[in-house]
PDB file of N, CA and C in Angstrom:
ATOM      1  N   ILE A   1      -8.015  -0.903   7.793  1.00  0.00           N
ATOM      2  CA  ILE A   1      -7.225   0.310   7.865  1.00  0.00           C
ATOM      3  C   ILE A   1      -7.018   0.780   6.428  1.00  0.00           C
ATOM      4  N   PRO A   2      -7.417   1.991   6.130  1.00  0.00           N
ATOM      5  CA  PRO A   2      -7.265   2.482   4.757  1.00  0.00           C
ATOM      6  C   PRO A   2      -5.799   2.500   4.311  1.00  0.00           C
ATOM      7  N   TRP A   3      -5.577   2.231   3.046  1.00  0.00           N
ATOM      8  CA  TRP A   3      -4.282   2.278   2.356  1.00  0.00           C
ATOM      9  C   TRP A   3      -3.333   1.144   2.724  1.00  0.00           C
ATOM     10  N   VAL A   4      -3.240   0.737   3.963  1.00  0.00           N
ATOM     11  CA  VAL A   4      -2.267  -0.285   4.336  1.00  0.00           C
ATOM     12  C   VAL A   4      -2.908  -1.559   4.864  1.00  0.00           C
ATOM     13  N   GLY A   5      -4.215  -1.572   5.040  1.00  0.00           N
ATOM     14  CA  GLY A   5      -4.898  -2.720   5.631  1.00  0.00           C
ATOM     15  C   GLY A   5      -4.676  -4.011   4.874  1.00  0.00           C
ATOM     16  N   GLN A   6      -4.824  -3.963   3.564  1.00  0.00           N
ATOM     17  CA  GLN A   6      -4.648  -5.170   2.755  1.00  0.00           C
ATOM     18  C   GLN A   6      -3.212  -5.675   2.827  1.00  0.00           C
ATOM     19  N   ASP A   7      -2.247  -4.762   2.837  1.00  0.00           N
ATOM     20  CA  ASP A   7      -0.840  -5.163   2.950  1.00  0.00           C
ATOM     21  C   ASP A   7      -0.558  -5.830   4.295  1.00  0.00           C
ATOM     22  N   ILE A   8      -1.149  -5.296   5.355  1.00  0.00           N
ATOM     23  CA  ILE A   8      -0.960  -5.893   6.680  1.00  0.00           C
ATOM     24  C   ILE A   8      -1.567  -7.284   6.729  1.00  0.00           C
ATOM     25  N   VAL A   9      -2.765  -7.433   6.180  1.00  0.00           N
ATOM     26  CA  VAL A   9      -3.432  -8.736   6.165  1.00  0.00           C
ATOM     27  C   VAL A   9      -2.606  -9.751   5.384  1.00  0.00           C
ATOM     28  N   GLU A  10      -2.109  -9.370   4.227  1.00  0.00           N
ATOM     29  CA  GLU A  10      -1.304 -10.290   3.423  1.00  0.00           C
ATOM     30  C   GLU A  10       0.004 -10.642   4.126  1.00  0.00           C
ATOM     31  N   PHE A  11       0.585  -9.702   4.862  1.00  0.00           N
ATOM     32  CA  PHE A  11       1.813  -9.996   5.609  1.00  0.00           C
ATOM     33  C   PHE A  11       1.531 -11.005   6.715  1.00  0.00           C
ATOM     34  N   ILE A  12       0.446 -10.800   7.458  1.00  0.00           N
ATOM     35  CA  ILE A  12       0.107 -11.708   8.550  1.00  0.00           C
ATOM     36  C   ILE A  12      -0.273 -13.077   8.010  1.00  0.00           C
ATOM     37  N   TRP A  13      -1.078 -13.099   6.951  1.00  0.00           N
ATOM     38  CA  TRP A  13      -1.527 -14.372   6.384  1.00  0.00           C
ATOM     39  C   TRP A  13      -0.412 -15.083   5.630  1.00  0.00           C
ATOM     40  N   GLY A  14       0.570 -14.346   5.140  1.00  0.00           N
ATOM     41  CA  GLY A  14       1.622 -14.940   4.334  1.00  0.00           C
ATOM     42  C   GLY A  14       1.199 -15.126   2.892  1.00  0.00           C
ATOM     43  N   GLY A  15       0.202 -14.402   2.446  1.00  0.00           N
ATOM     44  CA  GLY A  15      -0.307 -14.496   1.080  1.00  0.00           C
ATOM     45  C   GLY A  15      -1.712 -13.940   1.008  1.00  0.00           C
ATOM     46  N   PHE A  16      -2.428 -14.337  -0.038  1.00  0.00           N
ATOM     47  CA  PHE A  16      -3.770 -13.807  -0.240  1.00  0.00           C
ATOM     48  C   PHE A  16      -4.834 -14.557   0.548  1.00  0.00           C
ATOM     49  N   SER A  17      -4.490 -15.714   1.070  1.00  0.00           N
ATOM     50  CA  SER A  17      -5.472 -16.498   1.822  1.00  0.00           C
ATOM     51  C   SER A  17      -4.774 -17.207   2.981  1.00  0.00           C
ATOM     52  N   VAL A  18      -5.576 -17.708   3.901  1.00  0.00           N
ATOM     53  CA  VAL A  18      -5.027 -18.460   5.027  1.00  0.00           C
ATOM     54  C   VAL A  18      -4.574 -19.821   4.512  1.00  0.00           C
ATOM     55  N   ASN A  19      -3.310 -20.138   4.735  1.00  0.00           N
ATOM     56  CA  ASN A  19      -2.766 -21.403   4.245  1.00  0.00           C
ATOM     57  C   ASN A  19      -1.679 -21.893   5.198  1.00  0.00           C
ATOM     58  N   ASN A  20      -0.819 -22.750   4.743  1.00  0.00           N
ATOM     59  CA  ASN A  20       0.225 -23.330   5.580  1.00  0.00           C
ATOM     60  C   ASN A  20       1.189 -22.272   6.112  1.00  0.00           C
ATOM     61  N   ALA A  21       1.491 -21.261   5.314  1.00  0.00           N
ATOM     62  CA  ALA A  21       2.385 -20.196   5.780  1.00  0.00           C
ATOM     63  C   ALA A  21       1.783 -19.469   6.976  1.00  0.00           C
ATOM     64  N   THR A  22       0.471 -19.266   6.951  1.00  0.00           N
ATOM     65  CA  THR A  22      -0.210 -18.617   8.073  1.00  0.00           C
ATOM     66  C   THR A  22      -0.074 -19.451   9.334  1.00  0.00           C
ATOM     67  N   LEU A  23      -0.313 -20.743   9.211  1.00  0.00           N
ATOM     68  CA  LEU A  23      -0.206 -21.627  10.368  1.00  0.00           C
ATOM     69  C   LEU A  23       1.211 -21.641  10.924  1.00  0.00           C
ATOM     70  N   ASN A  24       2.201 -21.642  10.047  1.00  0.00           N
ATOM     71  CA  ASN A  24       3.594 -21.622  10.499  1.00  0.00           C
ATOM     72  C   ASN A  24       3.916 -20.335  11.247  1.00  0.00           C
ATOM     73  N   ARG A  25       3.409 -19.209  10.744  1.00  0.00           N
ATOM     74  CA  ARG A  25       3.668 -17.927  11.408  1.00  0.00           C
ATOM     75  C   ARG A  25       3.050 -17.897  12.798  1.00  0.00           C
ATOM     76  N   PHE A  26       1.801 -18.340  12.907  1.00  0.00           N
ATOM     77  CA  PHE A  26       1.140 -18.305  14.209  1.00  0.00           C
ATOM     78  C   PHE A  26       1.729 -19.330  15.170  1.00  0.00           C
ATOM     79  N   PHE A  27       2.162 -20.467  14.670  1.00  0.00           N
ATOM     80  CA  PHE A  27       2.837 -21.440  15.532  1.00  0.00           C
ATOM     81  C   PHE A  27       4.126 -20.841  16.075  1.00  0.00           C
ATOM     82  N   ALA A  28       4.910 -20.214  15.214  1.00  0.00           N
ATOM     83  CA  ALA A  28       6.160 -19.598  15.654  1.00  0.00           C
ATOM     84  C   ALA A  28       5.881 -18.498  16.671  1.00  0.00           C
ATOM     85  N   LEU A  29       4.858 -17.699  16.427  1.00  0.00           N
ATOM     86  CA  LEU A  29       4.501 -16.633  17.359  1.00  0.00           C
ATOM     87  C   LEU A  29       4.114 -17.202  18.718  1.00  0.00           C
ATOM     88  N   HIS A  30       3.297 -18.251  18.723  1.00  0.00           N
ATOM     89  CA  HIS A  30       2.862 -18.844  19.978  1.00  0.00           C
ATOM     90  C   HIS A  30       4.001 -19.558  20.701  1.00  0.00           C
ATOM     91  N   PHE A  31       5.013 -19.970  19.984  1.00  0.00           N
ATOM     92  CA  PHE A  31       6.168 -20.600  20.619  1.00  0.00           C
ATOM     93  C   PHE A  31       7.110 -19.556  21.204  1.00  0.00           C
ATOM     94  N   VAL A  32       7.361 -18.479  20.482  1.00  0.00           N
ATOM     95  CA  VAL A  32       8.354 -17.483  20.878  1.00  0.00           C
ATOM     96  C   VAL A  32       7.803 -16.490  21.902  1.00  0.00           C
ATOM     97  N   PHE A  33       6.528 -16.149  21.807  1.00  0.00           N
ATOM     98  CA  PHE A  33       5.944 -15.092  22.632  1.00  0.00           C
ATOM     99  C   PHE A  33       6.113 -15.323  24.137  1.00  0.00           C
ATOM    100  N   PRO A  34       5.901 -16.528  24.672  1.00  0.00           N
ATOM    101  CA  PRO A  34       6.106 -16.718  26.118  1.00  0.00           C
ATOM    102  C   PRO A  34       7.544 -16.445  26.564  1.00  0.00           C
ATOM    103  N   PHE A  35       8.514 -16.791  25.736  1.00  0.00           N
ATOM    104  CA  PHE A  35       9.904 -16.518  26.078  1.00  0.00           C
ATOM    105  C   PHE A  35      10.192 -15.019  26.067  1.00  0.00           C
ATOM    106  N   VAL A  36       9.602 -14.312  25.125  1.00  0.00           N
ATOM    107  CA  VAL A  36       9.755 -12.857  25.078  1.00  0.00           C
ATOM    108  C   VAL A  36       9.142 -12.231  26.327  1.00  0.00           C
ATOM    109  N   LEU A  37       7.947 -12.678  26.694  1.00  0.00           N
ATOM    110  CA  LEU A  37       7.302 -12.157  27.902  1.00  0.00           C
ATOM    111  C   LEU A  37       8.127 -12.460  29.151  1.00  0.00           C
ATOM    112  N   ALA A  38       8.671 -13.656  29.247  1.00  0.00           N
ATOM    113  CA  ALA A  38       9.494 -14.015  30.402  1.00  0.00           C
ATOM    114  C   ALA A  38      10.745 -13.139  30.467  1.00  0.00           C
ATOM    115  N   ALA A  39      11.368 -12.885  29.334  1.00  0.00           N
ATOM    116  CA  ALA A  39      12.557 -12.036  29.306  1.00  0.00           C
ATOM    117  C   ALA A  39      12.211 -10.609  29.724  1.00  0.00           C
ATOM    118  N   LEU A  40      11.089 -10.091  29.242  1.00  0.00           N
ATOM    119  CA  LEU A  40      10.672  -8.746  29.635  1.00  0.00           C
ATOM    120  C   LEU A  40      10.360  -8.674  31.128  1.00  0.00           C
ATOM    121  N   ALA A  41       9.708  -9.694  31.661  1.00  0.00           N
ATOM    122  CA  ALA A  41       9.406  -9.718  33.093  1.00  0.00           C
ATOM    123  C   ALA A  41      10.694  -9.770  33.911  1.00  0.00           C
ATOM    124  N   LEU A  42      11.656 -10.566  33.472  1.00  0.00           N
ATOM    125  CA  LEU A  42      12.934 -10.654  34.169  1.00  0.00           C
ATOM    126  C   LEU A  42      13.672  -9.317  34.129  1.00  0.00           C
ATOM    127  N   MET A  43      13.687  -8.667  32.981  1.00  0.00           N
ATOM    128  CA  MET A  43      14.326  -7.358  32.869  1.00  0.00           C
ATOM    129  C   MET A  43      13.639  -6.343  33.780  1.00  0.00           C
ATOM    130  N   HIS A  44      12.327  -6.423  33.872  1.00  0.00           N
ATOM    131  CA  HIS A  44      11.570  -5.524  34.735  1.00  0.00           C
ATOM    132  C   HIS A  44      11.940  -5.752  36.203  1.00  0.00           C
ATOM    133  N   LEU A  45      12.015  -7.008  36.614  1.00  0.00           N
ATOM    134  CA  LEU A  45      12.382  -7.311  37.996  1.00  0.00           C
ATOM    135  C   LEU A  45      13.803  -6.863  38.314  1.00  0.00           C
ATOM    136  N   ILE A  46      14.708  -7.039  37.385  1.00  0.00           N
ATOM    137  CA  ILE A  46      16.089  -6.588  37.587  1.00  0.00           C
ATOM    138  C   ILE A  46      16.135  -5.071  37.712  1.00  0.00           C
ATOM    139  N   ALA A  47      15.381  -4.376  36.867  1.00  0.00           N
ATOM    140  CA  ALA A  47      15.347  -2.913  36.937  1.00  0.00           C
ATOM    141  C   ALA A  47      14.760  -2.445  38.264  1.00  0.00           C
ATOM    142  N   LEU A  48      13.720  -3.120  38.739  1.00  0.00           N
ATOM    143  CA  LEU A  48      13.148  -2.755  40.032  1.00  0.00           C
ATOM    144  C   LEU A  48      14.137  -3.018  41.164  1.00  0.00           C
ATOM    145  N   HIS A  49      14.859  -4.108  41.087  1.00  0.00           N
ATOM    146  CA  HIS A  49      15.836  -4.445  42.122  1.00  0.00           C
ATOM    147  C   HIS A  49      16.977  -3.424  42.142  1.00  0.00           C
ATOM    148  N   ASP A  50      17.445  -3.033  40.959  1.00  0.00           N
ATOM    149  CA  ASP A  50      18.549  -2.078  40.873  1.00  0.00           C
ATOM    150  C   ASP A  50      18.152  -0.696  41.372  1.00  0.00           C
ATOM    151  N   SER A  51      16.907  -0.306  41.144  1.00  0.00           N
ATOM    152  CA  SER A  51      16.471   1.025  41.573  1.00  0.00           C
ATOM    153  C   SER A  51      15.883   1.009  42.981  1.00  0.00           C
ATOM    154  N   ALA A  52      15.915  -0.153  43.628  1.00  0.00           N
ATOM    155  CA  ALA A  52      15.381  -0.316  44.994  1.00  0.00           C
ATOM    156  C   ALA A  52      13.929   0.119  45.073  1.00  0.00           C
ATOM    157  N   GLY A  53      13.173  -0.184  44.040  1.00  0.00           N
ATOM    158  CA  GLY A  53      11.764   0.216  43.999  1.00  0.00           C
ATOM    159  C   GLY A  53      10.917  -0.899  44.445  1.00  0.00           C
TER     160      GLY A  53
END
């Protein structure tokens, strides 16, 4: 992505190269993401129940 691509890559990697910070970020993401999805699914079901849809 022009202009911001390198900044995005460095943010995701946690630096200029793939290292321990990168692994920690992806581990945290893989741990938290299922809980976020479950919460969103629960909110969706509650909204459907409330609207009788």
